[in-house]
C-alpha atoms as a PDB file:
ATOM      1  CA  MET A   1     -37.943   0.206  54.629  1.00  0.00           C
ATOM      2  CA  ARG A   2     -37.484   0.204  58.385  1.00  0.00           C
ATOM      3  CA  TRP A   3     -34.436   1.963  59.811  1.00  0.00           C
ATOM      4  CA  GLN A   4     -32.672   0.604  62.872  1.00  0.00           C
ATOM      5  CA  TRP A   5     -30.024   2.609  64.762  1.00  0.00           C
ATOM      6  CA  SER A   6     -28.060   0.368  67.126  1.00  0.00           C
ATOM      7  CA  LEU A   7     -24.981   0.178  69.263  1.00  0.00           C
ATOM      8  CA  PHE A   8     -22.970  -2.947  68.510  1.00  0.00           C
ATOM      9  CA  GLU A   9     -23.840  -4.649  71.809  1.00  0.00           C
ATOM     10  CA  THR A  10     -27.571  -4.270  71.126  1.00  0.00           C
ATOM     11  CA  LEU A  11     -27.458  -5.983  67.719  1.00  0.00           C
ATOM     12  CA  SER A  12     -28.664  -9.565  67.728  1.00  0.00           C
ATOM     13  CA  PRO A  13     -26.299 -12.316  66.558  1.00  0.00           C
ATOM     14  CA  TRP A  14     -28.486 -12.726  63.436  1.00  0.00           C
ATOM     15  CA  GLU A  15     -28.291  -8.971  62.675  1.00  0.00           C
ATOM     16  CA  ILE A  16     -24.499  -9.016  63.072  1.00  0.00           C
ATOM     17  CA  LEU A  17     -24.310 -12.022  60.738  1.00  0.00           C
ATOM     18  CA  GLU A  18     -26.426 -10.252  58.098  1.00  0.00           C
ATOM     19  CA  ILE A  19     -24.279  -7.106  58.361  1.00  0.00           C
ATOM     20  CA  MET A  20     -21.028  -9.059  58.030  1.00  0.00           C
ATOM     21  CA  LYS A  21     -22.361 -11.120  55.106  1.00  0.00           C
ATOM     22  CA  LEU A  22     -23.322  -7.957  53.215  1.00  0.00           C
ATOM     23  CA  ARG A  23     -20.032  -6.225  54.021  1.00  0.00           C
ATOM     24  CA  GLN A  24     -18.051  -9.244  52.806  1.00  0.00           C
ATOM     25  CA  ALA A  25     -20.175  -9.594  49.661  1.00  0.00           C
ATOM     26  CA  VAL A  26     -19.532  -5.978  48.687  1.00  0.00           C
ATOM     27  CA  PHE A  27     -16.140  -4.990  50.071  1.00  0.00           C
ATOM     28  CA  VAL A  28     -14.267  -8.282  49.768  1.00  0.00           C
ATOM     29  CA  VAL A  29     -15.925 -10.258  46.949  1.00  0.00           C
ATOM     30  CA  GLU A  30     -17.496  -7.639  44.634  1.00  0.00           C
ATOM     31  CA  GLN A  31     -14.597  -5.183  44.949  1.00  0.00           C
ATOM     32  CA  ALA A  32     -12.028  -8.010  44.862  1.00  0.00           C
ATOM     33  CA  CYS A  33     -10.253  -6.519  47.858  1.00  0.00           C
ATOM     34  CA  ALA A  34      -8.663  -8.867  50.359  1.00  0.00           C
ATOM     35  CA  TYR A  35      -8.647  -7.051  53.681  1.00  0.00           C
ATOM     36  CA  GLN A  36      -9.881  -7.508  57.260  1.00  0.00           C
ATOM     37  CA  ASP A  37     -13.376  -5.996  57.143  1.00  0.00           C
ATOM     38  CA  ALA A  38     -14.494  -6.873  60.684  1.00  0.00           C
ATOM     39  CA  ASP A  39     -12.360  -4.724  62.959  1.00  0.00           C
ATOM     40  CA  ASP A  40     -12.065  -3.266  66.438  1.00  0.00           C
ATOM     41  CA  LEU A  41     -14.081  -0.205  65.390  1.00  0.00           C
ATOM     42  CA  ASP A  42     -17.365  -2.139  65.158  1.00  0.00           C
ATOM     43  CA  PRO A  43     -17.912  -2.084  68.955  1.00  0.00           C
ATOM     44  CA  LEU A  44     -17.035   1.649  68.926  1.00  0.00           C
ATOM     45  CA  SER A  45     -19.734   2.575  66.439  1.00  0.00           C
ATOM     46  CA  TRP A  46     -23.404   3.173  65.902  1.00  0.00           C
ATOM     47  CA  HIS A  47     -24.792   0.879  63.186  1.00  0.00           C
ATOM     48  CA  LEU A  48     -27.515   2.114  60.853  1.00  0.00           C
ATOM     49  CA  THR A  49     -29.362  -0.670  59.083  1.00  0.00           C
ATOM     50  CA  GLY A  50     -32.215  -0.522  56.611  1.00  0.00           C
ATOM     51  CA  TRP A  51     -34.460  -3.585  56.536  1.00  0.00           C
ATOM     52  CA  GLU A  52     -37.179  -4.646  54.114  1.00  0.00           C
ATOM     53  CA  GLU A  53     -39.650  -7.448  54.735  1.00  0.00           C
ATOM     54  CA  ASP A  54     -41.427  -9.558  52.178  1.00  0.00           C
ATOM     55  CA  SER A  55     -42.801 -13.089  51.947  1.00  0.00           C
ATOM     56  CA  LYS A  56     -39.239 -14.433  52.282  1.00  0.00           C
ATOM     57  CA  GLY A  57     -38.637 -12.568  55.542  1.00  0.00           C
ATOM     58  CA  LYS A  58     -36.522  -9.659  56.723  1.00  0.00           C
ATOM     59  CA  ARG A  59     -33.500  -8.680  54.628  1.00  0.00           C
ATOM     60  CA  LEU A  60     -30.762  -6.101  54.994  1.00  0.00           C
ATOM     61  CA  VAL A  61     -30.899  -3.570  52.130  1.00  0.00           C
ATOM     62  CA  ALA A  62     -28.713  -0.722  53.439  1.00  0.00           C
ATOM     63  CA  TYR A  63     -25.970  -0.366  56.037  1.00  0.00           C
ATOM     64  CA  LEU A  64     -23.371   2.007  57.415  1.00  0.00           C
ATOM     65  CA  ARG A  65     -21.575   2.576  60.667  1.00  0.00           C
ATOM     66  CA  VAL A  66     -20.747   5.795  62.493  1.00  0.00           C
ATOM     67  CA  VAL A  67     -17.490   5.487  64.416  1.00  0.00           C
ATOM     68  CA  PHE A  68     -17.379   7.458  67.668  1.00  0.00           C
ATOM     69  CA  PRO A  69     -15.329  10.685  67.633  1.00  0.00           C
ATOM     70  CA  GLY A  70     -11.709  10.216  68.646  1.00  0.00           C
ATOM     71  CA  ARG A  71     -11.570   6.553  67.574  1.00  0.00           C
ATOM     72  CA  LYS A  72     -10.746   6.785  63.863  1.00  0.00           C
ATOM     73  CA  PHE A  73     -10.833  10.560  63.334  1.00  0.00           C
ATOM     74  CA  ASP A  74     -11.396  13.486  65.705  1.00  0.00           C
ATOM     75  CA  GLU A  75     -14.937  13.768  64.344  1.00  0.00           C
ATOM     76  CA  PRO A  76     -17.627  11.103  64.143  1.00  0.00           C
ATOM     77  CA  SER A  77     -17.023   9.262  60.875  1.00  0.00           C
ATOM     78  CA  ILE A  78     -19.326   7.469  58.490  1.00  0.00           C
ATOM     79  CA  GLY A  79     -17.970   4.266  56.986  1.00  0.00           C
ATOM     80  CA  ARG A  80     -18.812   0.883  55.478  1.00  0.00           C
ATOM     81  CA  VAL A  81     -21.611   2.475  53.413  1.00  0.00           C
ATOM     82  CA  ILE A  82     -23.288  -0.283  51.385  1.00  0.00           C
ATOM     83  CA  THR A  83     -26.337  -1.531  49.577  1.00  0.00           C
ATOM     84  CA  PRO A  84     -26.546  -4.934  47.863  1.00  0.00           C
ATOM     85  CA  LEU A  85     -25.497  -4.916  44.201  1.00  0.00           C
ATOM     86  CA  ALA A  86     -28.896  -6.246  43.074  1.00  0.00           C
ATOM     87  CA  LEU A  87     -30.710  -3.321  44.726  1.00  0.00           C
ATOM     88  CA  ARG A  88     -28.583  -0.401  43.535  1.00  0.00           C
ATOM     89  CA  GLY A  89     -30.278   2.340  41.554  1.00  0.00           C
ATOM     90  CA  ARG A  90     -33.276   2.511  43.885  1.00  0.00           C
ATOM     91  CA  GLY A  91     -31.975   5.482  45.904  1.00  0.00           C
ATOM     92  CA  LEU A  92     -31.174   3.368  48.962  1.00  0.00           C
ATOM     93  CA  GLY A  93     -27.662   4.797  49.274  1.00  0.00           C
ATOM     94  CA  SER A  94     -28.958   8.356  49.248  1.00  0.00           C
ATOM     95  CA  ALA A  95     -31.648   7.507  51.785  1.00  0.00           C
ATOM     96  CA  LEU A  96     -29.011   5.827  53.963  1.00  0.00           C
ATOM     97  CA  ILE A  97     -26.654   8.846  53.984  1.00  0.00           C
ATOM     98  CA  HIS A  98     -29.564  11.224  54.572  1.00  0.00           C
ATOM     99  CA  GLU A  99     -30.752   9.139  57.519  1.00  0.00           C
ATOM    100  CA  ALA A 100     -27.271   9.109  59.075  1.00  0.00           C
ATOM    101  CA  ILE A 101     -26.804  12.864  58.635  1.00  0.00           C
ATOM    102  CA  GLU A 102     -30.158  13.449  60.329  1.00  0.00           C
ATOM    103  CA  ARG A 103     -29.291  11.262  63.335  1.00  0.00           C
ATOM    104  CA  ILE A 104     -25.649  12.177  64.000  1.00  0.00           C
ATOM    105  CA  PRO A 105     -26.189  15.713  65.414  1.00  0.00           C
ATOM    106  CA  SER A 106     -28.408  14.428  68.223  1.00  0.00           C
ATOM    107  CA  LEU A 107     -25.593  12.123  69.343  1.00  0.00           C
ATOM    108  CA  PHE A 108     -22.547  14.295  68.791  1.00  0.00           C
ATOM    109  CA  GLN A 109     -23.642  17.933  69.360  1.00  0.00           C
ATOM    110  CA  LYS A 110     -23.442  19.260  65.815  1.00  0.00           C
ATOM    111  CA  GLU A 111     -19.858  18.139  65.215  1.00  0.00           C
ATOM    112  CA  SER A 112     -18.442  17.915  61.719  1.00  0.00           C
ATOM    113  CA  ILE A 113     -18.703  14.497  60.076  1.00  0.00           C
ATOM    114  CA  ARG A 114     -15.713  12.935  58.312  1.00  0.00           C
ATOM    115  CA  ILE A 115     -15.719  10.165  55.739  1.00  0.00           C
ATOM    116  CA  SER A 116     -12.950   8.245  54.002  1.00  0.00           C
ATOM    117  CA  ALA A 117     -14.640   7.985  50.615  1.00  0.00           C
ATOM    118  CA  GLN A 118     -13.731   6.023  47.554  1.00  0.00           C
ATOM    119  CA  GLN A 119     -12.548   8.735  45.185  1.00  0.00           C
ATOM    120  CA  ARG A 120     -15.050   7.717  42.491  1.00  0.00           C
ATOM    121  CA  LEU A 121     -17.859   8.554  44.955  1.00  0.00           C
ATOM    122  CA  GLU A 122     -16.770  12.161  45.629  1.00  0.00           C
ATOM    123  CA  PRO A 123     -19.710  13.632  43.658  1.00  0.00           C
ATOM    124  CA  PHE A 124     -22.189  11.425  45.540  1.00  0.00           C
ATOM    125  CA  TYR A 125     -20.976  12.611  48.965  1.00  0.00           C
ATOM    126  CA  ALA A 126     -20.540  16.216  47.772  1.00  0.00           C
ATOM    127  CA  ALA A 127     -24.290  16.273  47.096  1.00  0.00           C
ATOM    128  CA  PHE A 128     -24.762  15.852  50.875  1.00  0.00           C
ATOM    129  CA  GLY A 129     -22.463  18.746  51.765  1.00  0.00           C
ATOM    130  CA  PHE A 130     -19.193  16.830  52.158  1.00  0.00           C
ATOM    131  CA  GLU A 131     -16.095  18.648  50.913  1.00  0.00           C
ATOM    132  CA  THR A 132     -12.835  16.955  49.924  1.00  0.00           C
ATOM    133  CA  VAL A 133     -10.101  17.791  52.453  1.00  0.00           C
ATOM    134  CA  SER A 134      -7.239  15.517  51.357  1.00  0.00           C
ATOM    135  CA  THR A 135      -5.342  14.494  48.308  1.00  0.00           C
ATOM    136  CA  PRO A 136      -6.145  11.019  46.987  1.00  0.00           C
ATOM    137  CA  TYR A 137      -4.555   8.109  48.859  1.00  0.00           C
ATOM    138  CA  ASP A 138      -4.566   4.352  48.498  1.00  0.00           C
ATOM    139  CA  GLU A 139      -6.630   2.313  50.940  1.00  0.00           C
ATOM    140  CA  ASP A 140      -6.548  -1.426  50.301  1.00  0.00           C
ATOM    141  CA  GLY A 141      -5.796  -0.871  46.606  1.00  0.00           C
ATOM    142  CA  ILE A 142      -8.666   1.591  46.040  1.00  0.00           C
ATOM    143  CA  PRO A 143      -8.163   5.384  45.647  1.00  0.00           C
ATOM    144  CA  HIS A 144      -9.811   7.273  48.534  1.00  0.00           C
ATOM    145  CA  VAL A 145     -10.138  10.864  49.749  1.00  0.00           C
ATOM    146  CA  GLU A 146     -11.115  12.275  53.113  1.00  0.00           C
ATOM    147  CA  MET A 147     -14.233  14.413  53.022  1.00  0.00           C
ATOM    148  CA  LEU A 148     -15.679  16.615  55.741  1.00  0.00           C
ATOM    149  CA  ARG A 149     -19.208  17.900  56.303  1.00  0.00           C
ATOM    150  CA  MET A 150     -19.327  20.924  58.563  1.00  0.00           C
ATOM    151  CA  PRO A 151     -22.231  21.329  61.021  1.00  0.00           C
ATOM    152  CA  GLN A 152     -25.320  22.666  59.295  1.00  0.00           C
ATOM    153  CA  ASN A 153     -27.754  25.202  60.727  1.00  0.00           C
ATOM    154  CA  ASP A 154     -30.714  23.194  59.411  1.00  0.00           C
ATOM    155  CA  SER A 155     -29.847  19.930  61.207  1.00  0.00           C
END
Protein backbone atom coordinates (compact mmCIF):
# COMPACT_ATOMS: atom_id res chain seq x y z
CA MET A 1 0.00 0.00 0.00
CA ARG A 2 1.15 3.52 -0.78
CA TRP A 3 0.11 6.30 1.60
CA GLN A 4 -0.68 9.76 0.29
CA TRP A 5 -1.10 12.77 2.61
CA SER A 6 -2.73 15.68 0.78
CA LEU A 7 -4.39 19.01 1.26
CA PHE A 8 -7.72 19.15 -0.55
CA GLU A 9 -6.48 21.57 -3.23
CA THR A 10 -3.63 19.22 -4.16
CA LEU A 11 -5.87 16.19 -4.77
CA SER A 12 -6.56 15.47 -8.42
CA PRO A 13 -10.16 15.43 -9.66
CA TRP A 14 -9.87 11.63 -10.07
CA GLU A 15 -8.61 11.23 -6.47
CA ILE A 16 -11.48 13.37 -5.15
CA LEU A 17 -13.95 11.27 -7.16
CA GLU A 18 -12.52 8.02 -5.73
CA ILE A 19 -12.68 9.42 -2.18
CA MET A 20 -16.28 10.57 -2.58
CA LYS A 21 -17.35 7.28 -4.18
CA LEU A 22 -15.90 5.30 -1.26
CA ARG A 23 -17.38 7.65 1.33
CA GLN A 24 -20.83 7.38 -0.28
CA ALA A 25 -20.57 3.59 -0.61
CA VAL A 26 -19.82 3.20 3.10
CA PHE A 27 -21.49 6.07 4.93
CA VAL A 28 -24.61 6.54 2.80
CA VAL A 29 -25.33 3.19 1.12
CA GLU A 30 -23.82 0.53 3.43
CA GLN A 31 -24.87 2.29 6.65
CA ALA A 32 -28.23 3.30 5.15
CA CYS A 33 -27.75 6.84 6.40
CA ALA A 34 -29.08 9.69 4.29
CA TYR A 35 -26.92 12.70 5.07
CA GLN A 36 -24.71 15.24 3.28
CA ASP A 37 -21.30 13.56 3.31
CA ALA A 38 -19.39 16.10 1.20
CA ASP A 39 -19.18 19.21 3.36
CA ASP A 40 -17.34 22.48 3.88
CA LEU A 41 -14.77 20.74 6.09
CA ASP A 42 -13.14 18.89 3.17
CA PRO A 43 -11.15 21.98 2.05
CA LEU A 44 -10.15 22.54 5.70
CA SER A 45 -8.59 19.12 6.12
CA TRP A 46 -5.62 16.93 5.37
CA HIS A 47 -6.67 13.78 3.49
CA LEU A 48 -4.88 10.50 4.13
CA THR A 49 -5.41 7.94 1.40
CA GLY A 50 -4.08 4.42 1.06
CA TRP A 51 -3.73 3.15 -2.51
CA GLU A 52 -3.04 -0.31 -3.88
CA GLU A 53 -2.11 -1.07 -7.48
CA ASP A 54 -2.70 -4.25 -9.39
CA SER A 55 -3.32 -5.27 -12.99
CA LYS A 56 -6.63 -3.35 -12.90
CA GLY A 57 -4.93 -0.11 -11.84
CA LYS A 58 -4.80 2.06 -8.74
CA ARG A 59 -7.59 1.70 -6.18
CA LEU A 60 -8.43 3.43 -2.93
CA VAL A 61 -8.32 0.96 -0.01
CA ALA A 62 -8.22 3.28 3.03
CA TYR A 63 -9.18 6.88 3.74
CA LEU A 64 -9.60 9.43 6.50
CA ARG A 65 -9.45 13.17 6.87
CA VAL A 66 -7.90 15.31 9.58
CA VAL A 67 -9.85 18.53 10.08
CA PHE A 68 -7.72 21.54 11.05
CA PRO A 69 -7.88 22.62 14.71
CA GLY A 70 -10.56 25.21 15.43
CA ARG A 71 -12.78 24.16 12.50
CA LYS A 72 -14.82 21.30 13.96
CA PHE A 73 -13.23 20.96 17.41
CA ASP A 74 -10.49 22.92 19.20
CA GLU A 75 -8.11 20.06 18.43
CA PRO A 76 -7.28 18.48 15.08
CA SER A 77 -9.91 15.81 14.50
CA ILE A 78 -9.87 12.54 12.63
CA GLY A 79 -13.02 11.71 10.69
CA ARG A 80 -14.51 9.83 7.74
CA VAL A 81 -12.39 6.76 8.60
CA ILE A 82 -13.14 4.06 6.02
CA THR A 83 -12.03 0.97 4.20
CA PRO A 84 -14.11 -0.79 1.53
CA LEU A 85 -16.41 -3.52 2.88
CA ALA A 86 -14.78 -6.18 0.68
CA LEU A 87 -11.33 -5.45 2.16
CA ARG A 88 -12.16 -5.36 5.87
CA GLY A 89 -10.36 -7.78 8.15
CA ARG A 90 -6.97 -7.14 6.56
CA GLY A 91 -5.82 -4.61 9.19
CA LEU A 92 -6.20 -1.64 6.85
CA GLY A 93 -8.20 0.37 9.39
CA SER A 94 -5.55 -0.11 12.05
CA ALA A 95 -2.79 0.81 9.62
CA LEU A 96 -4.77 3.90 8.59
CA ILE A 97 -5.25 5.17 12.18
CA HIS A 98 -1.61 4.42 13.02
CA GLU A 99 -0.44 6.35 9.96
CA ALA A 100 -2.59 9.37 10.88
CA ILE A 101 -1.41 9.38 14.51
CA GLU A 102 2.19 9.31 13.31
CA ARG A 103 1.71 12.26 10.94
CA ILE A 104 -0.48 14.61 12.98
CA PRO A 105 2.13 15.76 15.56
CA SER A 106 4.43 17.12 12.85
CA LEU A 107 1.60 19.33 11.60
CA PHE A 108 -0.04 20.39 14.84
CA GLN A 109 2.72 20.54 17.51
CA LYS A 110 1.74 17.58 19.66
CA GLU A 111 -1.85 18.69 20.20
CA SER A 112 -4.49 16.28 21.43
CA ILE A 113 -6.51 14.55 18.71
CA ARG A 114 -10.30 14.34 18.92
CA ILE A 115 -12.60 11.95 17.11
CA SER A 116 -16.37 11.65 16.91
CA ALA A 117 -16.52 7.86 16.88
CA GLN A 118 -19.37 5.50 16.27
CA GLN A 119 -20.02 4.10 19.73
CA ARG A 120 -19.59 0.50 18.55
CA LEU A 121 -15.99 1.38 17.58
CA GLU A 122 -14.92 2.65 21.03
CA PRO A 123 -12.71 -0.41 21.71
CA PHE A 124 -11.00 -0.03 18.32
CA TYR A 125 -10.04 3.62 18.97
CA ALA A 126 -9.22 2.94 22.64
CA ALA A 127 -6.49 0.57 21.42
CA PHE A 128 -4.79 3.65 19.91
CA GLY A 129 -4.93 5.66 23.14
CA PHE A 130 -8.24 7.46 22.59
CA GLU A 131 -10.36 7.92 25.71
CA THR A 132 -14.12 8.51 25.72
CA VAL A 133 -14.88 12.07 26.87
CA SER A 134 -18.63 12.36 26.23
CA THR A 135 -21.83 10.52 26.82
CA PRO A 136 -23.32 8.82 23.76
CA TYR A 137 -25.16 11.09 21.32
CA ASP A 138 -27.02 10.59 18.07
CA GLU A 139 -25.33 11.67 14.85
CA ASP A 140 -27.37 10.98 11.72
CA GLY A 141 -29.20 8.11 13.44
CA ILE A 142 -26.02 6.37 14.66
CA PRO A 143 -24.84 6.43 18.32
CA HIS A 144 -21.51 8.28 18.64
CA VAL A 145 -19.12 9.36 21.39
CA GLU A 146 -16.34 11.92 21.42
CA MET A 147 -12.93 10.46 22.14
CA LEU A 148 -9.68 12.27 22.85
CA ARG A 149 -6.06 11.15 22.49
CA MET A 150 -3.68 13.22 24.56
CA PRO A 151 -0.20 14.03 23.18
CA GLN A 152 2.17 11.11 23.61
CA ASN A 153 5.83 11.33 24.56
CA ASP A 154 6.73 8.68 21.98
CA SER A 155 5.27 10.52 18.96
